[in-house]
Amino acid sequence: MIRSRQAVILSLALIAQAVLFYGFSPADNVPASRPLKEFSKQVGVWSMTVEGVIDQETLDVLRADDTLTRVYRQNGTGRPAGLFVAYFRSQRAGQAPHSPKNCLPGAGWAPSASGVMAIAIQGRAEPIQVNRYIVSNGENQSVVLYWYQSRDRVIASEYSAKFYVVADSIRYHRSDTALVRVVAPVIDGDADAATEASAQFVQAFFQPLRQLLPN
């Protein structure tokens, strides 16, 4: 019953989005953004170790206007964390973020736990709410944090993100958004430590990344 209600809500949101995007709201008017490649290779105590490359086939499916994929390592502890950002200037032509909770199982990662967690960010009055998943692939486990970021708003729920796309399109003539994802391996079976390291990584990069995205 709950899944049926969620499916109905999402369907209504998608219908409303299509009607408003293509029928009533004018074209998007998005402020210029800086290339994600300008994102710092050093954020707090985290240093970049790998600059990832996304193959063309994946880019064709993703259809993002800009992407960033890197691995950082925490100075002192040596803990790694992967950062992936996909930015979409407009969602009018069918371009939209692919939810990690759908993509990860397709890549062989099965979720074993899920929920929403709060992360305090310096300079923000309220903590941001992000999705937290623990995923497994054979003997390997990872903690995955992700959210949708539009204007200065952080959204965990896919359903809420769809509704805000419609609202922002009407009010601000904008449908731009970014999907931000962090993946940290679970070491020695300690998922709590991986979660804490992931949260610290988010706290380190959130404001520098925010400066690259339109506000």
C-alpha atoms as a PDB file:
ATOM      1  CA  MET A   1       0.000   0.000   0.000  1.00  0.00           C
ATOM      2  CA  ILE A   2       2.790   2.443   0.897  1.00  0.00           C
ATOM      3  CA  ARG A   3       4.659   1.699  -2.326  1.00  0.00           C
ATOM      4  CA  SER A   4       1.429   2.188  -4.294  1.00  0.00           C
ATOM      5  CA  ARG A   5       0.892   5.596  -2.717  1.00  0.00           C
ATOM      6  CA  GLN A   6       4.478   6.580  -3.490  1.00  0.00           C
ATOM      7  CA  ALA A   7       4.055   5.468  -7.094  1.00  0.00           C
ATOM      8  CA  VAL A   8       0.865   7.539  -7.438  1.00  0.00           C
ATOM      9  CA  ILE A   9       2.533  10.615  -5.917  1.00  0.00           C
ATOM     10  CA  LEU A  10       5.545  10.316  -8.193  1.00  0.00           C
ATOM     11  CA  SER A  11       3.322   9.787 -11.240  1.00  0.00           C
ATOM     12  CA  LEU A  12       1.290  12.895 -10.434  1.00  0.00           C
ATOM     13  CA  ALA A  13       4.493  14.875  -9.948  1.00  0.00           C
ATOM     14  CA  LEU A  14       5.838  13.761 -13.314  1.00  0.00           C
ATOM     15  CA  ILE A  15       2.564  14.606 -15.060  1.00  0.00           C
ATOM     16  CA  ALA A  16       2.470  18.045 -13.460  1.00  0.00           C
ATOM     17  CA  GLN A  17       6.095  18.572 -14.368  1.00  0.00           C
ATOM     18  CA  ALA A  18       5.453  17.749 -18.015  1.00  0.00           C
ATOM     19  CA  VAL A  19       2.359  19.968 -18.257  1.00  0.00           C
ATOM     20  CA  LEU A  20       3.999  22.946 -16.596  1.00  0.00           C
ATOM     21  CA  PHE A  21       7.348  22.613 -18.349  1.00  0.00           C
ATOM     22  CA  TYR A  22       5.999  22.292 -21.845  1.00  0.00           C
ATOM     23  CA  GLY A  23       2.719  24.155 -21.547  1.00  0.00           C
ATOM     24  CA  PHE A  24       2.901  27.168 -19.298  1.00  0.00           C
ATOM     25  CA  SER A  25       6.321  28.061 -17.908  1.00  0.00           C
ATOM     26  CA  PRO A  26       8.767  30.062 -20.042  1.00  0.00           C
ATOM     27  CA  ALA A  27      12.254  28.904 -20.937  1.00  0.00           C
ATOM     28  CA  ASP A  28      14.791  28.431 -18.154  1.00  0.00           C
ATOM     29  CA  ASN A  29      16.859  31.402 -17.055  1.00  0.00           C
ATOM     30  CA  VAL A  30      19.791  29.886 -15.171  1.00  0.00           C
ATOM     31  CA  PRO A  31      22.739  31.981 -13.939  1.00  0.00           C
ATOM     32  CA  ALA A  32      26.142  30.977 -15.258  1.00  0.00           C
ATOM     33  CA  SER A  33      28.005  28.295 -13.329  1.00  0.00           C
ATOM     34  CA  ARG A  34      31.697  27.547 -13.066  1.00  0.00           C
ATOM     35  CA  PRO A  35      33.094  24.269 -14.460  1.00  0.00           C
ATOM     36  CA  LEU A  36      33.197  21.480 -11.909  1.00  0.00           C
ATOM     37  CA  LYS A  37      36.799  20.751 -12.912  1.00  0.00           C
ATOM     38  CA  GLU A  38      37.696  23.924 -10.964  1.00  0.00           C
ATOM     39  CA  PHE A  39      36.710  22.197  -7.733  1.00  0.00           C
ATOM     40  CA  SER A  40      39.648  22.161  -5.332  1.00  0.00           C
ATOM     41  CA  LYS A  41      41.921  19.132  -5.106  1.00  0.00           C
ATOM     42  CA  GLN A  42      42.383  19.905  -1.406  1.00  0.00           C
ATOM     43  CA  VAL A  43      39.341  20.422   0.840  1.00  0.00           C
ATOM     44  CA  GLY A  44      40.093  20.664   4.537  1.00  0.00           C
ATOM     45  CA  VAL A  45      42.132  17.595   5.503  1.00  0.00           C
ATOM     46  CA  TRP A  46      41.051  15.716   2.361  1.00  0.00           C
ATOM     47  CA  SER A  47      43.405  15.469  -0.632  1.00  0.00           C
ATOM     48  CA  MET A  48      42.533  14.254  -4.129  1.00  0.00           C
ATOM     49  CA  THR A  49      44.261  11.004  -5.104  1.00  0.00           C
ATOM     50  CA  VAL A  50      42.404  10.048  -8.314  1.00  0.00           C
ATOM     51  CA  GLU A  51      40.821  12.185 -11.044  1.00  0.00           C
ATOM     52  CA  GLY A  52      38.198   9.866 -12.510  1.00  0.00           C
ATOM     53  CA  VAL A  53      37.116   9.698 -16.143  1.00  0.00           C
ATOM     54  CA  ILE A  54      33.571   8.838 -17.221  1.00  0.00           C
ATOM     55  CA  ASP A  55      33.370   6.901 -20.480  1.00  0.00           C
ATOM     56  CA  GLN A  56      31.356   8.321 -23.365  1.00  0.00           C
ATOM     57  CA  GLU A  57      28.706   5.591 -23.235  1.00  0.00           C
ATOM     58  CA  THR A  58      27.926   6.475 -19.615  1.00  0.00           C
ATOM     59  CA  LEU A  59      27.931  10.191 -20.409  1.00  0.00           C
ATOM     60  CA  ASP A  60      25.426   9.580 -23.217  1.00  0.00           C
ATOM     61  CA  VAL A  61      23.089   7.847 -20.770  1.00  0.00           C
ATOM     62  CA  LEU A  62      23.646  10.345 -17.969  1.00  0.00           C
ATOM     63  CA  ARG A  63      23.080  13.419 -20.195  1.00  0.00           C
ATOM     64  CA  ALA A  64      24.473  15.786 -17.560  1.00  0.00           C
ATOM     65  CA  ASP A  65      25.849  19.184 -18.574  1.00  0.00           C
ATOM     66  CA  ASP A  66      28.865  18.818 -16.292  1.00  0.00           C
ATOM     67  CA  THR A  67      30.293  16.053 -14.124  1.00  0.00           C
ATOM     68  CA  LEU A  68      32.965  15.499 -11.512  1.00  0.00           C
ATOM     69  CA  THR A  69      34.252  12.151 -10.288  1.00  0.00           C
ATOM     70  CA  ARG A  70      37.207  11.959  -7.908  1.00  0.00           C
ATOM     71  CA  VAL A  71      38.652  10.018  -5.008  1.00  0.00           C
ATOM     72  CA  TYR A  72      39.948  11.888  -1.961  1.00  0.00           C
ATOM     73  CA  ARG A  73      41.889  10.615   1.037  1.00  0.00           C
ATOM     74  CA  GLN A  74      41.705  11.920   4.595  1.00  0.00           C
ATOM     75  CA  ASN A  75      45.062  13.082   5.882  1.00  0.00           C
ATOM     76  CA  GLY A  76      46.098  11.207   8.984  1.00  0.00           C
ATOM     77  CA  THR A  77      43.628   8.321   8.844  1.00  0.00           C
ATOM     78  CA  GLY A  78      44.204   7.522   5.154  1.00  0.00           C
ATOM     79  CA  ARG A  79      40.476   6.838   4.695  1.00  0.00           C
ATOM     80  CA  PRO A  80      39.308   7.188   1.063  1.00  0.00           C
ATOM     81  CA  ALA A  81      36.026   8.663  -0.142  1.00  0.00           C
ATOM     82  CA  GLY A  82      34.712   9.038  -3.659  1.00  0.00           C
ATOM     83  CA  LEU A  83      32.910  12.175  -4.799  1.00  0.00           C
ATOM     84  CA  PHE A  84      30.580  12.233  -7.803  1.00  0.00           C
ATOM     85  CA  VAL A  85      28.652  15.303  -8.971  1.00  0.00           C
ATOM     86  CA  ALA A  86      26.357  15.518 -11.994  1.00  0.00           C
ATOM     87  CA  TYR A  87      25.002  18.973 -12.845  1.00  0.00           C
ATOM     88  CA  PHE A  88      21.981  19.584 -15.072  1.00  0.00           C
ATOM     89  CA  ARG A  89      21.255  23.113 -16.306  1.00  0.00           C
ATOM     90  CA  SER A  90      17.696  22.197 -17.294  1.00  0.00           C
ATOM     91  CA  GLN A  91      15.331  19.257 -16.935  1.00  0.00           C
ATOM     92  CA  ARG A  92      12.955  20.344 -19.691  1.00  0.00           C
ATOM     93  CA  ALA A  93      14.303  18.086 -22.427  1.00  0.00           C
ATOM     94  CA  GLY A  94      14.240  14.889 -20.391  1.00  0.00           C
ATOM     95  CA  GLN A  95      17.594  15.461 -18.707  1.00  0.00           C
ATOM     96  CA  ALA A  96      17.347  14.516 -15.039  1.00  0.00           C
ATOM     97  CA  PRO A  97      19.518  12.908 -12.354  1.00  0.00           C
ATOM     98  CA  HIS A  98      19.509   9.108 -12.136  1.00  0.00           C
ATOM     99  CA  SER A  99      18.798   8.060  -8.570  1.00  0.00           C
ATOM    100  CA  PRO A 100      21.708   6.121  -7.012  1.00  0.00           C
ATOM    101  CA  LYS A 101      19.237   3.798  -5.314  1.00  0.00           C
ATOM    102  CA  ASN A 102      18.291   2.590  -8.804  1.00  0.00           C
ATOM    103  CA  CYS A 103      21.768   2.732 -10.381  1.00  0.00           C
ATOM    104  CA  LEU A 104      23.736   0.964  -7.638  1.00  0.00           C
ATOM    105  CA  PRO A 105      21.818  -2.354  -7.837  1.00  0.00           C
ATOM    106  CA  GLY A 106      22.376  -2.328 -11.594  1.00  0.00           C
ATOM    107  CA  ALA A 107      26.116  -2.104 -10.934  1.00  0.00           C
ATOM    108  CA  GLY A 108      26.003  -5.121  -8.612  1.00  0.00           C
ATOM    109  CA  TRP A 109      25.656  -3.272  -5.294  1.00  0.00           C
ATOM    110  CA  ALA A 110      22.759  -4.471  -3.103  1.00  0.00           C
ATOM    111  CA  PRO A 111      21.466  -2.182  -0.320  1.00  0.00           C
ATOM    112  CA  SER A 112      21.443  -3.702   3.152  1.00  0.00           C
ATOM    113  CA  ALA A 113      20.369  -0.591   5.091  1.00  0.00           C
ATOM    114  CA  SER A 114      18.919   2.795   4.191  1.00  0.00           C
ATOM    115  CA  GLY A 115      17.704   5.962   5.835  1.00  0.00           C
ATOM    116  CA  VAL A 116      18.175   9.724   6.090  1.00  0.00           C
ATOM    117  CA  MET A 117      20.844  11.390   8.223  1.00  0.00           C
ATOM    118  CA  ALA A 118      21.515  14.990   9.231  1.00  0.00           C
ATOM    119  CA  ILE A 119      24.898  16.646   8.686  1.00  0.00           C
ATOM    120  CA  ALA A 120      25.732  19.987  10.285  1.00  0.00           C
ATOM    121  CA  ILE A 121      27.365  22.420   7.845  1.00  0.00           C
ATOM    122  CA  GLN A 122      29.299  25.460   9.011  1.00  0.00           C
ATOM    123  CA  GLY A 123      27.478  28.635   7.992  1.00  0.00           C
ATOM    124  CA  ARG A 124      24.060  26.993   7.679  1.00  0.00           C
ATOM    125  CA  ALA A 125      21.436  27.444  10.379  1.00  0.00           C
ATOM    126  CA  GLU A 126      20.040  23.927   9.955  1.00  0.00           C
ATOM    127  CA  PRO A 127      21.784  20.629   9.184  1.00  0.00           C
ATOM    128  CA  ILE A 128      21.314  19.243   5.685  1.00  0.00           C
ATOM    129  CA  GLN A 129      19.330  16.021   5.299  1.00  0.00           C
ATOM    130  CA  VAL A 130      20.939  13.402   3.031  1.00  0.00           C
ATOM    131  CA  ASN A 131      20.220   9.815   2.044  1.00  0.00           C
ATOM    132  CA  ARG A 132      22.428   7.158   3.647  1.00  0.00           C
ATOM    133  CA  TYR A 133      22.740   3.658   2.234  1.00  0.00           C
ATOM    134  CA  ILE A 134      24.939   0.729   3.157  1.00  0.00           C
ATOM    135  CA  VAL A 135      25.533  -1.348   0.040  1.00  0.00           C
ATOM    136  CA  SER A 136      27.269  -4.681  -0.480  1.00  0.00           C
ATOM    137  CA  ASN A 137      28.924  -6.365  -3.446  1.00  0.00           C
ATOM    138  CA  GLY A 138      30.256  -9.765  -2.455  1.00  0.00           C
ATOM    139  CA  GLU A 139      32.465  -9.238   0.590  1.00  0.00           C
ATOM    140  CA  ASN A 140      32.823  -5.505  -0.054  1.00  0.00           C
ATOM    141  CA  GLN A 141      30.673  -2.940   1.733  1.00  0.00           C
ATOM    142  CA  SER A 142      30.384   0.805   1.279  1.00  0.00           C
ATOM    143  CA  VAL A 143      28.482   3.712   2.774  1.00  0.00           C
ATOM    144  CA  VAL A 144      26.728   5.885   0.201  1.00  0.00           C
ATOM    145  CA  LEU A 145      25.473   9.406   0.925  1.00  0.00           C
ATOM    146  CA  TYR A 146      23.604  11.376  -1.722  1.00  0.00           C
ATOM    147  CA  TRP A 147      21.258  14.288  -2.223  1.00  0.00           C
ATOM    148  CA  TYR A 148      19.848  16.690  -4.812  1.00  0.00           C
ATOM    149  CA  GLN A 149      21.003  20.300  -4.686  1.00  0.00           C
ATOM    150  CA  SER A 150      18.998  23.045  -6.426  1.00  0.00           C
ATOM    151  CA  ARG A 151      19.694  26.746  -5.880  1.00  0.00           C
ATOM    152  CA  ASP A 152      20.676  26.679  -2.178  1.00  0.00           C
ATOM    153  CA  ARG A 153      18.332  23.828  -1.289  1.00  0.00           C
ATOM    154  CA  VAL A 154      19.430  20.320  -0.300  1.00  0.00           C
ATOM    155  CA  ILE A 155      16.846  17.583  -0.824  1.00  0.00           C
ATOM    156  CA  ALA A 156      17.073  13.907   0.063  1.00  0.00           C
ATOM    157  CA  SER A 157      13.693  12.718  -1.240  1.00  0.00           C
ATOM    158  CA  GLU A 158      13.288  12.000  -4.957  1.00  0.00           C
ATOM    159  CA  TYR A 159       9.595  12.891  -4.663  1.00  0.00           C
ATOM    160  CA  SER A 160      10.269  16.273  -3.057  1.00  0.00           C
ATOM    161  CA  ALA A 161      12.957  16.977  -5.649  1.00  0.00           C
ATOM    162  CA  LYS A 162      10.385  16.498  -8.446  1.00  0.00           C
ATOM    163  CA  PHE A 163       7.907  18.853  -6.810  1.00  0.00           C
ATOM    164  CA  TYR A 164      10.549  21.545  -6.279  1.00  0.00           C
ATOM    165  CA  VAL A 165      11.544  21.310  -9.954  1.00  0.00           C
ATOM    166  CA  VAL A 166       7.983  22.304 -10.866  1.00  0.00           C
ATOM    167  CA  ALA A 167       7.813  25.035  -8.215  1.00  0.00           C
ATOM    168  CA  ASP A 168      11.172  26.560  -9.160  1.00  0.00           C
ATOM    169  CA  SER A 169      10.305  26.421 -12.845  1.00  0.00           C
ATOM    170  CA  ILE A 170       7.174  28.481 -12.225  1.00  0.00           C
ATOM    171  CA  ARG A 171       8.578  30.925  -9.703  1.00  0.00           C
ATOM    172  CA  TYR A 172      12.195  31.344 -10.836  1.00  0.00           C
ATOM    173  CA  HIS A 173      12.138  29.986 -14.427  1.00  0.00           C
ATOM    174  CA  ARG A 174      14.783  27.448 -13.410  1.00  0.00           C
ATOM    175  CA  SER A 175      14.945  23.659 -13.325  1.00  0.00           C
ATOM    176  CA  ASP A 176      18.687  23.243 -12.777  1.00  0.00           C
ATOM    177  CA  THR A 177      19.874  20.736 -10.209  1.00  0.00           C
ATOM    178  CA  ALA A 178      22.900  18.716  -9.141  1.00  0.00           C
ATOM    179  CA  LEU A 179      23.144  15.172  -7.870  1.00  0.00           C
ATOM    180  CA  VAL A 180      25.895  14.863  -5.240  1.00  0.00           C
ATOM    181  CA  ARG A 181      27.066  11.418  -4.123  1.00  0.00           C
ATOM    182  CA  VAL A 182      29.753  10.266  -1.689  1.00  0.00           C
ATOM    183  CA  VAL A 183      30.929   6.641  -1.460  1.00  0.00           C
ATOM    184  CA  ALA A 184      33.229   5.440   1.332  1.00  0.00           C
ATOM    185  CA  PRO A 185      34.344   1.823   1.796  1.00  0.00           C
ATOM    186  CA  VAL A 186      33.536   0.056   5.045  1.00  0.00           C
ATOM    187  CA  ILE A 187      36.835  -1.004   6.633  1.00  0.00           C
ATOM    188  CA  ASP A 188      37.005  -3.930   9.083  1.00  0.00           C
ATOM    189  CA  GLY A 189      33.208  -4.114   9.138  1.00  0.00           C
ATOM    190  CA  ASP A 190      32.870  -0.717  10.850  1.00  0.00           C
ATOM    191  CA  ALA A 191      30.027   1.003   8.980  1.00  0.00           C
ATOM    192  CA  ASP A 192      29.713   3.680  11.681  1.00  0.00           C
ATOM    193  CA  ALA A 193      33.318   4.780  11.147  1.00  0.00           C
ATOM    194  CA  ALA A 194      32.766   4.924   7.382  1.00  0.00           C
ATOM    195  CA  THR A 195      29.608   6.981   7.934  1.00  0.00           C
ATOM    196  CA  GLU A 196      31.440   9.397  10.228  1.00  0.00           C
ATOM    197  CA  ALA A 197      34.277   9.817   7.726  1.00  0.00           C
ATOM    198  CA  SER A 198      31.745  10.416   4.932  1.00  0.00           C
ATOM    199  CA  ALA A 199      30.001  13.091   6.994  1.00  0.00           C
ATOM    200  CA  GLN A 200      33.327  14.801   7.714  1.00  0.00           C
ATOM    201  CA  PHE A 201      34.112  14.755   3.993  1.00  0.00           C
ATOM    202  CA  VAL A 202      30.748  16.379   3.208  1.00  0.00           C
ATOM    203  CA  GLN A 203      31.407  19.043   5.833  1.00  0.00           C
ATOM    204  CA  ALA A 204      34.759  19.789   4.203  1.00  0.00           C
ATOM    205  CA  PHE A 205      33.603  20.085   0.585  1.00  0.00           C
ATOM    206  CA  PHE A 206      30.028  21.371   0.865  1.00  0.00           C
ATOM    207  CA  GLN A 207      30.749  25.116   0.846  1.00  0.00           C
ATOM    208  CA  PRO A 208      33.532  24.979  -1.812  1.00  0.00           C
ATOM    209  CA  LEU A 209      31.240  22.964  -4.083  1.00  0.00           C
ATOM    210  CA  ARG A 210      28.341  25.324  -3.439  1.00  0.00           C
ATOM    211  CA  GLN A 211      30.428  28.180  -4.840  1.00  0.00           C
ATOM    212  CA  LEU A 212      30.614  26.424  -8.223  1.00  0.00           C
ATOM    213  CA  LEU A 213      26.859  25.824  -8.546  1.00  0.00           C
ATOM    214  CA  PRO A 214      24.306  28.554  -9.406  1.00  0.00           C
ATOM    215  CA  ASN A 215      22.566  30.015  -6.331  1.00  0.00           C
END
